[in-house]
Amino acid sequence: MDKIQNDFVLRVLDTAQDLTLATIRPDGYPQATTVSFAHRDMTIFVGIGKASQKAENIRRNGKVSLTVNLPYHDWREIRGLSMSATAELLDDPQEAAMAAACLEQRFPAVQEWCGPDMSHEVAFVRIRPQMMSVIDYSKGFGHTELVSP
């Protein structure tokens, strides 16, 4: 990935409020859910319910796909990312605390919503991109560039 692509990816991750995360259900069908996220460089963190279907899916199969889109009013303004990635639930308390701090820095209300000890209800997930499609319709309808992180 060149510097221009890298800067574009980080700008999308810095600007977007949420992403759509697709996990694999036990029946083999994908389950897509919108979640808020935070990131450090290109590593993405999300918080999900410990007993949720998403958590069960990730425990069973860490292969995920996701999309991150910026708001737009016209198709020529569509910009975003599509990724294949690996996801893992953070069982180590220090790693979970780091993910929680990253999310709380981006969304200060998360502690108010989840309480001071989020670890009882929330599972923190680390998502590592494996392959990305950089989407930028300002360069033409359907313009994508496949890049490795």
N, C-alpha and C. Protein backbone atom coordinates (compact mmCIF):
# COMPACT_ATOMS: atom_id res chain seq x y z
N MET A 1 0.85 -1.17 0.00
CA MET A 1 0.00 0.00 0.00
C MET A 1 0.90 1.23 0.00
N ASP A 2 0.62 2.15 -0.90
CA ASP A 2 1.43 3.36 -0.96
C ASP A 2 0.91 4.40 0.06
N LYS A 3 1.64 5.49 0.21
CA LYS A 3 1.30 6.50 1.21
C LYS A 3 -0.07 7.12 0.96
N ILE A 4 -0.42 7.38 -0.29
CA ILE A 4 -1.72 7.98 -0.61
C ILE A 4 -2.85 7.04 -0.19
N GLN A 5 -2.72 5.76 -0.49
CA GLN A 5 -3.73 4.78 -0.08
C GLN A 5 -3.79 4.67 1.44
N ASN A 6 -2.62 4.61 2.08
CA ASN A 6 -2.56 4.52 3.53
C ASN A 6 -3.25 5.71 4.18
N ASP A 7 -2.96 6.91 3.69
CA ASP A 7 -3.59 8.12 4.23
C ASP A 7 -5.11 8.09 4.02
N PHE A 8 -5.55 7.62 2.86
CA PHE A 8 -6.98 7.51 2.57
C PHE A 8 -7.65 6.56 3.57
N VAL A 9 -7.06 5.39 3.78
CA VAL A 9 -7.62 4.40 4.71
C VAL A 9 -7.73 5.00 6.10
N LEU A 10 -6.67 5.62 6.58
CA LEU A 10 -6.69 6.20 7.93
C LEU A 10 -7.70 7.34 8.02
N ARG A 11 -7.85 8.14 6.96
CA ARG A 11 -8.85 9.22 6.96
C ARG A 11 -10.26 8.65 7.06
N VAL A 12 -10.53 7.57 6.33
CA VAL A 12 -11.85 6.93 6.43
C VAL A 12 -12.07 6.40 7.84
N LEU A 13 -11.08 5.71 8.40
CA LEU A 13 -11.22 5.16 9.75
C LEU A 13 -11.37 6.27 10.80
N ASP A 14 -10.68 7.38 10.60
CA ASP A 14 -10.79 8.51 11.54
C ASP A 14 -12.14 9.20 11.46
N THR A 15 -12.76 9.19 10.29
CA THR A 15 -13.95 10.00 10.04
C THR A 15 -15.25 9.24 10.22
N ALA A 16 -15.31 7.99 9.81
CA ALA A 16 -16.55 7.20 9.88
C ALA A 16 -16.94 6.93 11.32
N GLN A 17 -18.23 6.89 11.57
CA GLN A 17 -18.74 6.64 12.92
C GLN A 17 -18.97 5.17 13.22
N ASP A 18 -19.25 4.39 12.19
CA ASP A 18 -19.53 2.98 12.42
C ASP A 18 -19.11 2.17 11.21
N LEU A 19 -19.20 0.87 11.36
CA LEU A 19 -18.89 -0.04 10.27
C LEU A 19 -19.90 -1.17 10.29
N THR A 20 -20.00 -1.87 9.18
CA THR A 20 -20.85 -3.04 9.10
C THR A 20 -19.94 -4.26 9.13
N LEU A 21 -20.12 -5.08 10.16
CA LEU A 21 -19.29 -6.25 10.40
C LEU A 21 -20.08 -7.50 10.04
N ALA A 22 -19.53 -8.31 9.15
CA ALA A 22 -20.18 -9.57 8.78
C ALA A 22 -19.39 -10.74 9.37
N THR A 23 -20.07 -11.52 10.19
CA THR A 23 -19.51 -12.73 10.77
C THR A 23 -20.22 -13.93 10.14
N ILE A 24 -19.75 -15.12 10.44
CA ILE A 24 -20.33 -16.32 9.84
C ILE A 24 -21.14 -17.08 10.89
N ARG A 25 -22.45 -17.22 10.62
CA ARG A 25 -23.34 -17.93 11.54
C ARG A 25 -23.09 -19.44 11.46
N PRO A 26 -23.61 -20.19 12.43
CA PRO A 26 -23.42 -21.65 12.41
C PRO A 26 -23.97 -22.31 11.15
N ASP A 27 -25.02 -21.73 10.54
CA ASP A 27 -25.59 -22.32 9.34
C ASP A 27 -24.84 -21.93 8.07
N GLY A 28 -23.73 -21.18 8.22
CA GLY A 28 -22.90 -20.81 7.09
C GLY A 28 -23.26 -19.49 6.44
N TYR A 29 -24.41 -18.93 6.80
CA TYR A 29 -24.81 -17.64 6.23
C TYR A 29 -24.09 -16.51 6.96
N PRO A 30 -23.79 -15.43 6.24
CA PRO A 30 -23.19 -14.27 6.92
C PRO A 30 -24.23 -13.52 7.74
N GLN A 31 -23.78 -12.92 8.82
CA GLN A 31 -24.61 -12.06 9.65
C GLN A 31 -23.93 -10.70 9.68
N ALA A 32 -24.59 -9.69 9.11
CA ALA A 32 -24.01 -8.34 9.04
C ALA A 32 -24.69 -7.46 10.08
N THR A 33 -23.87 -6.75 10.85
CA THR A 33 -24.36 -5.90 11.92
C THR A 33 -23.56 -4.60 11.93
N THR A 34 -24.24 -3.50 12.17
CA THR A 34 -23.56 -2.21 12.29
C THR A 34 -23.06 -2.04 13.72
N VAL A 35 -21.79 -1.68 13.87
CA VAL A 35 -21.18 -1.46 15.18
C VAL A 35 -20.31 -0.21 15.14
N SER A 36 -20.20 0.45 16.29
CA SER A 36 -19.25 1.55 16.43
C SER A 36 -17.86 0.94 16.59
N PHE A 37 -16.84 1.72 16.27
CA PHE A 37 -15.49 1.17 16.34
C PHE A 37 -14.49 2.28 16.67
N ALA A 38 -13.33 1.83 17.06
CA ALA A 38 -12.17 2.70 17.21
C ALA A 38 -11.01 1.97 16.54
N HIS A 39 -9.92 2.67 16.33
CA HIS A 39 -8.78 2.01 15.70
C HIS A 39 -7.47 2.59 16.19
N ARG A 40 -6.44 1.80 16.07
CA ARG A 40 -5.05 2.24 16.23
C ARG A 40 -4.35 1.80 14.97
N ASP A 41 -3.90 2.77 14.23
CA ASP A 41 -3.39 2.51 12.89
C ASP A 41 -4.48 1.75 12.13
N MET A 42 -4.20 0.55 11.66
CA MET A 42 -5.22 -0.18 10.90
C MET A 42 -5.84 -1.33 11.69
N THR A 43 -5.51 -1.43 12.95
CA THR A 43 -6.15 -2.41 13.80
C THR A 43 -7.42 -1.79 14.35
N ILE A 44 -8.52 -2.51 14.22
CA ILE A 44 -9.85 -1.99 14.58
C ILE A 44 -10.33 -2.70 15.84
N PHE A 45 -10.99 -1.94 16.71
CA PHE A 45 -11.56 -2.49 17.94
C PHE A 45 -13.05 -2.21 17.99
N VAL A 46 -13.82 -3.20 18.40
CA VAL A 46 -15.25 -3.03 18.62
C VAL A 46 -15.59 -3.68 19.95
N GLY A 47 -16.69 -3.22 20.50
CA GLY A 47 -17.26 -3.85 21.69
C GLY A 47 -18.60 -4.45 21.32
N ILE A 48 -18.81 -5.70 21.69
CA ILE A 48 -20.06 -6.39 21.40
C ILE A 48 -20.54 -7.10 22.65
N GLY A 49 -21.79 -7.50 22.68
CA GLY A 49 -22.30 -8.24 23.83
C GLY A 49 -21.60 -9.58 23.96
N LYS A 50 -21.20 -9.92 25.19
CA LYS A 50 -20.50 -11.19 25.40
C LYS A 50 -21.33 -12.39 24.96
N ALA A 51 -22.63 -12.30 25.15
CA ALA A 51 -23.51 -13.43 24.82
C ALA A 51 -24.18 -13.26 23.46
N SER A 52 -23.72 -12.31 22.66
CA SER A 52 -24.37 -12.03 21.38
C SER A 52 -24.05 -13.10 20.34
N GLN A 53 -24.88 -13.13 19.30
CA GLN A 53 -24.61 -14.04 18.18
C GLN A 53 -23.29 -13.70 17.52
N LYS A 54 -22.94 -12.39 17.42
CA LYS A 54 -21.65 -11.99 16.84
C LYS A 54 -20.49 -12.61 17.61
N ALA A 55 -20.57 -12.56 18.93
CA ALA A 55 -19.50 -13.13 19.76
C ALA A 55 -19.40 -14.63 19.53
N GLU A 56 -20.53 -15.32 19.49
CA GLU A 56 -20.53 -16.76 19.23
C GLU A 56 -19.93 -17.05 17.86
N ASN A 57 -20.31 -16.28 16.87
CA ASN A 57 -19.78 -16.48 15.52
C ASN A 57 -18.27 -16.32 15.49
N ILE A 58 -17.75 -15.28 16.14
CA ILE A 58 -16.31 -15.02 16.14
C ILE A 58 -15.57 -16.10 16.92
N ARG A 59 -16.15 -16.58 18.02
CA ARG A 59 -15.51 -17.66 18.77
C ARG A 59 -15.32 -18.90 17.89
N ARG A 60 -16.29 -19.14 17.05
CA ARG A 60 -16.27 -20.34 16.20
C ARG A 60 -15.42 -20.13 14.94
N ASN A 61 -15.47 -18.91 14.37
CA ASN A 61 -14.77 -18.65 13.11
C ASN A 61 -14.38 -17.18 13.08
N GLY A 62 -13.09 -16.91 13.12
CA GLY A 62 -12.59 -15.54 13.18
C GLY A 62 -12.51 -14.82 11.84
N LYS A 63 -12.94 -15.49 10.76
CA LYS A 63 -12.94 -14.81 9.47
C LYS A 63 -14.14 -13.89 9.39
N VAL A 64 -13.88 -12.60 9.10
CA VAL A 64 -14.95 -11.61 9.00
C VAL A 64 -14.72 -10.75 7.76
N SER A 65 -15.76 -10.06 7.37
CA SER A 65 -15.68 -9.01 6.36
C SER A 65 -16.32 -7.78 6.94
N LEU A 66 -15.93 -6.62 6.45
CA LEU A 66 -16.54 -5.39 6.95
C LEU A 66 -16.49 -4.32 5.88
N THR A 67 -17.37 -3.36 6.05
CA THR A 67 -17.36 -2.17 5.22
C THR A 67 -17.40 -0.95 6.13
N VAL A 68 -16.73 0.09 5.69
CA VAL A 68 -16.74 1.38 6.36
C VAL A 68 -17.02 2.41 5.28
N ASN A 69 -18.08 3.19 5.46
CA ASN A 69 -18.47 4.16 4.44
C ASN A 69 -18.57 5.55 5.04
N LEU A 70 -18.16 6.53 4.26
CA LEU A 70 -18.33 7.93 4.66
C LEU A 70 -19.68 8.41 4.13
N PRO A 71 -20.28 9.39 4.80
CA PRO A 71 -21.56 9.94 4.31
C PRO A 71 -21.38 10.54 2.91
N TYR A 72 -22.45 10.47 2.11
CA TYR A 72 -22.42 11.06 0.78
C TYR A 72 -23.82 11.48 0.36
N HIS A 73 -23.88 12.42 -0.57
CA HIS A 73 -25.15 12.91 -1.11
C HIS A 73 -25.31 12.53 -2.58
N ASP A 74 -24.23 12.18 -3.20
CA ASP A 74 -24.22 11.91 -4.63
C ASP A 74 -23.29 10.71 -4.84
N TRP A 75 -23.62 9.84 -5.77
CA TRP A 75 -22.79 8.66 -6.00
C TRP A 75 -21.35 9.00 -6.30
N ARG A 76 -21.08 10.15 -6.86
CA ARG A 76 -19.69 10.54 -7.16
C ARG A 76 -18.90 10.82 -5.90
N GLU A 77 -19.58 10.88 -4.75
CA GLU A 77 -18.91 11.15 -3.48
C GLU A 77 -18.69 9.89 -2.66
N ILE A 78 -19.09 8.73 -3.16
CA ILE A 78 -18.95 7.49 -2.38
C ILE A 78 -17.47 7.21 -2.15
N ARG A 79 -17.13 7.06 -0.87
CA ARG A 79 -15.77 6.72 -0.45
C ARG A 79 -15.86 5.79 0.73
N GLY A 80 -15.01 4.82 0.78
CA GLY A 80 -15.03 3.90 1.91
C GLY A 80 -14.06 2.75 1.73
N LEU A 81 -14.28 1.73 2.54
CA LEU A 81 -13.40 0.57 2.57
C LEU A 81 -14.24 -0.70 2.65
N SER A 82 -13.76 -1.74 2.05
CA SER A 82 -14.30 -3.08 2.21
C SER A 82 -13.12 -3.97 2.55
N MET A 83 -13.26 -4.79 3.59
CA MET A 83 -12.11 -5.58 4.04
C MET A 83 -12.48 -7.02 4.31
N SER A 84 -11.53 -7.89 4.05
CA SER A 84 -11.55 -9.22 4.65
C SER A 84 -10.57 -9.11 5.82
N ALA A 85 -10.91 -9.76 6.92
CA ALA A 85 -10.11 -9.57 8.13
C ALA A 85 -10.23 -10.78 9.04
N THR A 86 -9.40 -10.79 10.06
CA THR A 86 -9.53 -11.78 11.12
C THR A 86 -9.93 -11.04 12.39
N ALA A 87 -10.82 -11.66 13.14
CA ALA A 87 -11.32 -11.06 14.38
C ALA A 87 -11.07 -12.03 15.53
N GLU A 88 -10.74 -11.46 16.67
CA GLU A 88 -10.56 -12.29 17.86
C GLU A 88 -11.10 -11.56 19.08
N LEU A 89 -11.76 -12.34 19.94
CA LEU A 89 -12.21 -11.79 21.21
C LEU A 89 -11.00 -11.65 22.11
N LEU A 90 -10.90 -10.53 22.80
CA LEU A 90 -9.74 -10.26 23.65
C LEU A 90 -10.01 -10.79 25.05
N ASP A 91 -9.44 -11.94 25.35
CA ASP A 91 -9.63 -12.57 26.66
C ASP A 91 -8.64 -12.05 27.69
N ASP A 92 -7.50 -11.57 27.24
CA ASP A 92 -6.50 -11.03 28.15
C ASP A 92 -7.00 -9.70 28.70
N PRO A 93 -7.08 -9.55 30.04
CA PRO A 93 -7.62 -8.32 30.64
C PRO A 93 -6.88 -7.05 30.22
N GLN A 94 -5.57 -7.13 30.04
CA GLN A 94 -4.82 -5.93 29.62
C GLN A 94 -5.16 -5.54 28.20
N GLU A 95 -5.29 -6.51 27.30
CA GLU A 95 -5.65 -6.20 25.92
C GLU A 95 -7.08 -5.66 25.85
N ALA A 96 -7.99 -6.25 26.63
CA ALA A 96 -9.37 -5.78 26.66
C ALA A 96 -9.43 -4.35 27.21
N ALA A 97 -8.64 -4.05 28.23
CA ALA A 97 -8.61 -2.71 28.81
C ALA A 97 -8.08 -1.69 27.79
N MET A 98 -7.09 -2.09 26.99
CA MET A 98 -6.56 -1.21 25.97
C MET A 98 -7.62 -0.93 24.91
N ALA A 99 -8.36 -1.97 24.50
CA ALA A 99 -9.43 -1.79 23.51
C ALA A 99 -10.53 -0.90 24.08
N ALA A 100 -10.89 -1.12 25.34
CA ALA A 100 -11.92 -0.30 26.00
C ALA A 100 -11.48 1.16 26.04
N ALA A 101 -10.22 1.40 26.38
CA ALA A 101 -9.71 2.78 26.44
C ALA A 101 -9.73 3.43 25.06
N CYS A 102 -9.40 2.67 24.05
CA CYS A 102 -9.42 3.18 22.68
C CYS A 102 -10.85 3.57 22.28
N LEU A 103 -11.81 2.72 22.59
CA LEU A 103 -13.21 3.02 22.29
C LEU A 103 -13.72 4.20 23.10
N GLU A 104 -13.35 4.24 24.38
CA GLU A 104 -13.81 5.33 25.24
C GLU A 104 -13.21 6.67 24.82
N GLN A 105 -11.99 6.65 24.32
CA GLN A 105 -11.38 7.90 23.84
C GLN A 105 -12.17 8.44 22.65
N ARG A 106 -12.61 7.57 21.78
CA ARG A 106 -13.37 8.00 20.60
C ARG A 106 -14.82 8.31 20.94
N PHE A 107 -15.39 7.55 21.86
CA PHE A 107 -16.79 7.70 22.25
C PHE A 107 -16.87 7.82 23.77
N PRO A 108 -16.66 9.03 24.33
CA PRO A 108 -16.63 9.19 25.79
C PRO A 108 -17.89 8.68 26.50
N ALA A 109 -19.02 8.68 25.83
CA ALA A 109 -20.26 8.24 26.47
C ALA A 109 -20.32 6.73 26.65
N VAL A 110 -19.37 6.00 26.10
CA VAL A 110 -19.44 4.54 26.19
C VAL A 110 -19.39 4.07 27.65
N GLN A 111 -18.60 4.72 28.48
CA GLN A 111 -18.52 4.31 29.88
C GLN A 111 -19.84 4.59 30.59
N GLU A 112 -20.47 5.71 30.28
CA GLU A 112 -21.76 6.03 30.88
C GLU A 112 -22.81 5.00 30.48
N TRP A 113 -22.76 4.57 29.23
CA TRP A 113 -23.73 3.63 28.71
C TRP A 113 -23.49 2.22 29.23
N CYS A 114 -22.22 1.83 29.31
CA CYS A 114 -21.88 0.46 29.70
C CYS A 114 -21.52 0.31 31.16
N GLY A 115 -21.33 1.42 31.88
CA GLY A 115 -20.94 1.34 33.28
C GLY A 115 -19.43 1.36 33.43
N PRO A 116 -18.94 1.54 34.66
CA PRO A 116 -17.50 1.68 34.89
C PRO A 116 -16.71 0.41 34.59
N ASP A 117 -17.33 -0.76 34.78
CA ASP A 117 -16.63 -2.01 34.48
C ASP A 117 -17.35 -2.70 33.33
N MET A 118 -16.97 -2.33 32.12
CA MET A 118 -17.65 -2.84 30.94
C MET A 118 -17.40 -4.31 30.70
N SER A 119 -16.40 -4.88 31.36
CA SER A 119 -15.98 -6.25 31.05
C SER A 119 -17.02 -7.31 31.39
N HIS A 120 -18.02 -6.98 32.23
CA HIS A 120 -19.03 -7.99 32.59
C HIS A 120 -19.99 -8.26 31.44
N GLU A 121 -20.32 -7.25 30.66
CA GLU A 121 -21.31 -7.38 29.60
C GLU A 121 -20.71 -7.33 28.20
N VAL A 122 -19.55 -6.70 28.08
CA VAL A 122 -18.99 -6.40 26.77
C VAL A 122 -17.79 -7.29 26.47
N ALA A 123 -17.78 -7.84 25.27
CA ALA A 123 -16.61 -8.54 24.75
C ALA A 123 -15.91 -7.58 23.79
N PHE A 124 -14.62 -7.41 23.95
CA PHE A 124 -13.86 -6.54 23.06
C PHE A 124 -13.21 -7.40 21.98
N VAL A 125 -13.27 -6.88 20.78
CA VAL A 125 -12.81 -7.61 19.60
C VAL A 125 -11.72 -6.82 18.90
N ARG A 126 -10.64 -7.52 18.53
CA ARG A 126 -9.59 -6.92 17.72
C ARG A 126 -9.76 -7.47 16.31
N ILE A 127 -9.78 -6.55 15.35
CA ILE A 127 -9.95 -6.93 13.94
C ILE A 127 -8.70 -6.49 13.19
N ARG A 128 -8.10 -7.46 12.51
CA ARG A 128 -6.88 -7.18 11.74
C ARG A 128 -7.17 -7.39 10.25
N PRO A 129 -7.11 -6.31 9.47
CA PRO A 129 -7.37 -6.43 8.03
C PRO A 129 -6.36 -7.36 7.35
N GLN A 130 -6.85 -8.16 6.42
CA GLN A 130 -6.00 -9.03 5.62
C GLN A 130 -5.88 -8.51 4.19
N MET A 131 -7.00 -8.01 3.65
CA MET A 131 -7.03 -7.44 2.31
C MET A 131 -8.10 -6.35 2.31
N MET A 132 -7.84 -5.27 1.57
CA MET A 132 -8.78 -4.14 1.55
C MET A 132 -9.07 -3.72 0.12
N SER A 133 -10.31 -3.32 -0.09
CA SER A 133 -10.69 -2.60 -1.29
C SER A 133 -10.91 -1.15 -0.88
N VAL A 134 -10.13 -0.26 -1.46
CA VAL A 134 -10.27 1.17 -1.22
C VAL A 134 -11.25 1.68 -2.27
N ILE A 135 -12.36 2.23 -1.82
CA ILE A 135 -13.45 2.64 -2.71
C ILE A 135 -13.47 4.16 -2.80
N ASP A 136 -13.39 4.69 -4.03
CA ASP A 136 -13.40 6.14 -4.23
C ASP A 136 -14.04 6.46 -5.58
N TYR A 137 -15.36 6.70 -5.56
CA TYR A 137 -16.10 6.96 -6.79
C TYR A 137 -15.78 8.33 -7.39
N SER A 138 -15.06 9.19 -6.67
CA SER A 138 -14.65 10.46 -7.28
C SER A 138 -13.68 10.20 -8.43
N LYS A 139 -13.11 8.99 -8.47
CA LYS A 139 -12.19 8.61 -9.54
C LYS A 139 -12.91 7.84 -10.65
N GLY A 140 -14.23 7.73 -10.53
CA GLY A 140 -15.03 7.01 -11.53
C GLY A 140 -15.98 6.04 -10.85
N PHE A 141 -17.11 5.79 -11.49
CA PHE A 141 -18.13 4.90 -10.93
C PHE A 141 -17.53 3.52 -10.68
N GLY A 142 -17.70 3.03 -9.44
CA GLY A 142 -17.21 1.71 -9.08
C GLY A 142 -15.72 1.60 -8.87
N HIS A 143 -15.01 2.74 -8.80
CA HIS A 143 -13.54 2.69 -8.67
C HIS A 143 -13.13 2.07 -7.33
N THR A 144 -12.36 0.99 -7.42
CA THR A 144 -11.80 0.36 -6.23
C THR A 144 -10.35 -0.01 -6.52
N GLU A 145 -9.57 -0.02 -5.46
CA GLU A 145 -8.17 -0.45 -5.54
C GLU A 145 -7.97 -1.51 -4.46
N LEU A 146 -7.54 -2.70 -4.86
CA LEU A 146 -7.27 -3.77 -3.92
C LEU A 146 -5.87 -3.59 -3.36
N VAL A 147 -5.77 -3.51 -2.02
CA VAL A 147 -4.49 -3.28 -1.38
C VAL A 147 -4.32 -4.21 -0.18
N SER A 148 -3.07 -4.47 0.16
CA SER A 148 -2.74 -5.22 1.38
C SER A 148 -2.35 -4.21 2.45
N PRO A 149 -2.78 -4.44 3.68
CA PRO A 149 -2.41 -3.49 4.75
C PRO A 149 -0.92 -3.51 5.05
